[in-house]
C-alpha atoms as a PDB file:
ATOM      1  CA  MET A   1      13.567 -14.120 -19.920  1.00  0.00           C
ATOM      2  CA  CYS A   2      15.523 -12.161 -17.695  1.00  0.00           C
ATOM      3  CA  TYR A   3      13.094  -9.326 -18.083  1.00  0.00           C
ATOM      4  CA  TYR A   4       9.488 -11.359 -17.614  1.00  0.00           C
ATOM      5  CA  ILE A   5      11.236 -13.036 -14.062  1.00  0.00           C
ATOM      6  CA  ASP A   6      12.050  -9.421 -12.737  1.00  0.00           C
ATOM      7  CA  MET A   7       8.426  -8.059 -13.696  1.00  0.00           C
ATOM      8  CA  LYS A   8       6.382 -11.430 -12.222  1.00  0.00           C
ATOM      9  CA  TYR A   9       8.555 -10.932  -8.509  1.00  0.00           C
ATOM     10  CA  TYR A  10       7.982  -7.246  -8.937  1.00  0.00           C
ATOM     11  CA  LEU A  11       4.280  -7.656  -9.612  1.00  0.00           C
ATOM     12  CA  ILE A  12       3.468 -10.236  -7.122  1.00  0.00           C
ATOM     13  CA  TYR A  13       5.367  -7.727  -4.227  1.00  0.00           C
ATOM     14  CA  ILE A  14       3.414  -5.211  -5.246  1.00  0.00           C
ATOM     15  CA  ALA A  15       0.295  -7.562  -5.227  1.00  0.00           C
ATOM     16  CA  ILE A  16       1.236  -8.743  -2.170  1.00  0.00           C
ATOM     17  CA  MET A  17       1.858  -5.579  -0.113  1.00  0.00           C
ATOM     18  CA  SER A  18      -1.678  -4.565  -1.538  1.00  0.00           C
ATOM     19  CA  ILE A  19      -3.293  -6.963   0.226  1.00  0.00           C
ATOM     20  CA  THR A  20      -1.566  -6.456   2.927  1.00  0.00           C
ATOM     21  CA  GLY A  21      -2.076  -2.903   3.104  1.00  0.00           C
ATOM     22  CA  PHE A  22      -6.132  -3.075   2.424  1.00  0.00           C
ATOM     23  CA  MET A  23      -6.140  -5.563   5.449  1.00  0.00           C
ATOM     24  CA  LEU A  24      -4.338  -3.836   7.662  1.00  0.00           C
ATOM     25  CA  TYR A  25      -7.143  -0.933   6.831  1.00  0.00           C
ATOM     26  CA  GLY A  26      -9.626  -3.015   7.343  1.00  0.00           C
ATOM     27  CA  ILE A  27      -8.333  -4.282  10.682  1.00  0.00           C
ATOM     28  CA  ASP A  28      -7.500  -1.275  12.344  1.00  0.00           C
ATOM     29  CA  LYS A  29     -10.980   0.291  11.083  1.00  0.00           C
ATOM     30  CA  LEU A  30     -12.255  -2.623  12.941  1.00  0.00           C
ATOM     31  CA  LYS A  31     -10.220  -2.244  16.212  1.00  0.00           C
ATOM     32  CA  ALA A  32     -11.045   1.150  16.167  1.00  0.00           C
ATOM     33  CA  MET A  33     -14.873   0.566  16.301  1.00  0.00           C
ATOM     34  CA  HIS A  34     -14.822  -1.676  19.167  1.00  0.00           C
ATOM     35  CA  SER A  35     -12.196   0.781  20.955  1.00  0.00           C
ATOM     36  CA  ARG A  36      -9.562  -2.044  20.666  1.00  0.00           C
ATOM     37  CA  PHE A  37      -5.847  -2.039  20.578  1.00  0.00           C
ATOM     38  CA  ARG A  38      -4.811  -0.398  17.283  1.00  0.00           C
ATOM     39  CA  ILE A  39      -2.181  -0.874  14.540  1.00  0.00           C
ATOM     40  CA  ARG A  40       0.484   1.881  14.955  1.00  0.00           C
ATOM     41  CA  GLU A  41       0.119   4.343  11.960  1.00  0.00           C
ATOM     42  CA  SER A  42       3.351   4.177  11.266  1.00  0.00           C
ATOM     43  CA  VAL A  43       3.031   0.252  10.185  1.00  0.00           C
ATOM     44  CA  LEU A  44      -0.156   1.426   7.804  1.00  0.00           C
ATOM     45  CA  LEU A  45       2.063   4.402   6.470  1.00  0.00           C
ATOM     46  CA  SER A  46       5.230   1.606   5.734  1.00  0.00           C
ATOM     47  CA  VAL A  47       3.384  -0.560   4.042  1.00  0.00           C
ATOM     48  CA  GLY A  48       1.222   1.731   1.824  1.00  0.00           C
ATOM     49  CA  PHE A  49       4.852   3.034   0.877  1.00  0.00           C
ATOM     50  CA  PHE A  50       7.083   0.545   0.553  1.00  0.00           C
ATOM     51  CA  GLY A  51       4.816  -1.629  -1.910  1.00  0.00           C
ATOM     52  CA  GLY A  52       1.145  -1.528  -0.601  1.00  0.00           C
ATOM     53  CA  ALA A  53      -0.067   1.702  -1.699  1.00  0.00           C
ATOM     54  CA  ALA A  54      -2.704   0.548  -3.982  1.00  0.00           C
ATOM     55  CA  GLY A  55      -4.408  -1.519  -1.188  1.00  0.00           C
ATOM     56  CA  ALA A  56      -3.881   1.322   1.081  1.00  0.00           C
ATOM     57  CA  ILE A  57      -5.737   4.019  -0.913  1.00  0.00           C
ATOM     58  CA  LEU A  58      -8.267   1.454  -1.797  1.00  0.00           C
ATOM     59  CA  GLY A  59      -8.400   0.076   2.077  1.00  0.00           C
ATOM     60  CA  MET A  60      -8.179   3.989   3.109  1.00  0.00           C
ATOM     61  CA  ILE A  61     -11.797   4.671   0.571  1.00  0.00           C
ATOM     62  CA  PHE A  62     -13.631   1.506   1.052  1.00  0.00           C
ATOM     63  CA  PHE A  63     -13.410   1.543   4.956  1.00  0.00           C
ATOM     64  CA  ARG A  64     -13.494   5.001   5.186  1.00  0.00           C
ATOM     65  CA  HIS A  65     -10.188   5.222   7.505  1.00  0.00           C
ATOM     66  CA  LYS A  66      -8.030   7.574   7.853  1.00  0.00           C
ATOM     67  CA  THR A  67      -9.201   9.839   4.936  1.00  0.00           C
ATOM     68  CA  ARG A  68      -9.359  13.155   7.020  1.00  0.00           C
ATOM     69  CA  HIS A  69      -5.415  13.038   7.910  1.00  0.00           C
ATOM     70  CA  TRP A  70      -3.597  14.737   4.906  1.00  0.00           C
ATOM     71  CA  TYR A  71      -0.332  12.829   5.934  1.00  0.00           C
ATOM     72  CA  PHE A  72      -2.033   9.390   4.912  1.00  0.00           C
ATOM     73  CA  TRP A  73      -2.862  10.928   1.565  1.00  0.00           C
ATOM     74  CA  PHE A  74       0.277  12.001   0.845  1.00  0.00           C
ATOM     75  CA  VAL A  75       2.624   8.941   1.445  1.00  0.00           C
ATOM     76  CA  ASN A  76       0.808   6.586  -0.185  1.00  0.00           C
ATOM     77  CA  ALA A  77       0.473   9.031  -3.323  1.00  0.00           C
ATOM     78  CA  VAL A  78       4.187   9.073  -3.145  1.00  0.00           C
ATOM     79  CA  GLY A  79       4.249   5.543  -2.580  1.00  0.00           C
ATOM     80  CA  ALA A  80       2.129   4.904  -5.528  1.00  0.00           C
ATOM     81  CA  ALA A  81       4.104   7.182  -7.620  1.00  0.00           C
ATOM     82  CA  LEU A  82       7.414   5.108  -6.710  1.00  0.00           C
ATOM     83  CA  GLN A  83       5.729   2.022  -7.381  1.00  0.00           C
ATOM     84  CA  ILE A  84       4.752   3.328 -11.029  1.00  0.00           C
ATOM     85  CA  LEU A  85       8.402   4.428 -11.284  1.00  0.00           C
ATOM     86  CA  GLY A  86       9.717   1.145 -10.419  1.00  0.00           C
ATOM     87  CA  LEU A  87       7.468  -0.799 -12.985  1.00  0.00           C
ATOM     88  CA  TYR A  88       8.548   1.782 -15.633  1.00  0.00           C
ATOM     89  CA  LEU A  89      12.232   1.202 -15.033  1.00  0.00           C
ATOM     90  CA  ILE A  90      12.107  -2.514 -14.928  1.00  0.00           C
ATOM     91  CA  TRP A  91      10.240  -2.366 -18.168  1.00  0.00           C
ATOM     92  CA  ARG A  92      12.335   0.217 -20.026  1.00  0.00           C
ATOM     93  CA  TRP A  93      15.661  -0.979 -18.769  1.00  0.00           C
ATOM     94  CA  LEU A  94      15.314  -4.759 -17.855  1.00  0.00           C
END
C-alpha cells in the first residue's frame, strides 16, 4: 500500500511539473515573438531539472525554443536522468 501511494504522488508531481515546463516554453516563445518581457532562463532550467524534464524537452522541440543553447539540453537531460533514477528507486526499494 505504501509503495503505491509513494509512486502515485511521484508520478503526479512529475506530470504537473512537465505540463508546467511545456507551458512555460510555449509562453516564453510567444513573448519572444512579440518582443515582450520574457521568462528567466533560470526558471525554465529549474522547472526542467526539478521534475519537468519531459515537458521541457517536448516544449523545446515543439516550440523550437532554446534548442541552440547546449546548456538547456544538458540540464534537461540530467533532470530527466534524475527523474528516471527517482522512479527506479521508488520502484525498487519501496
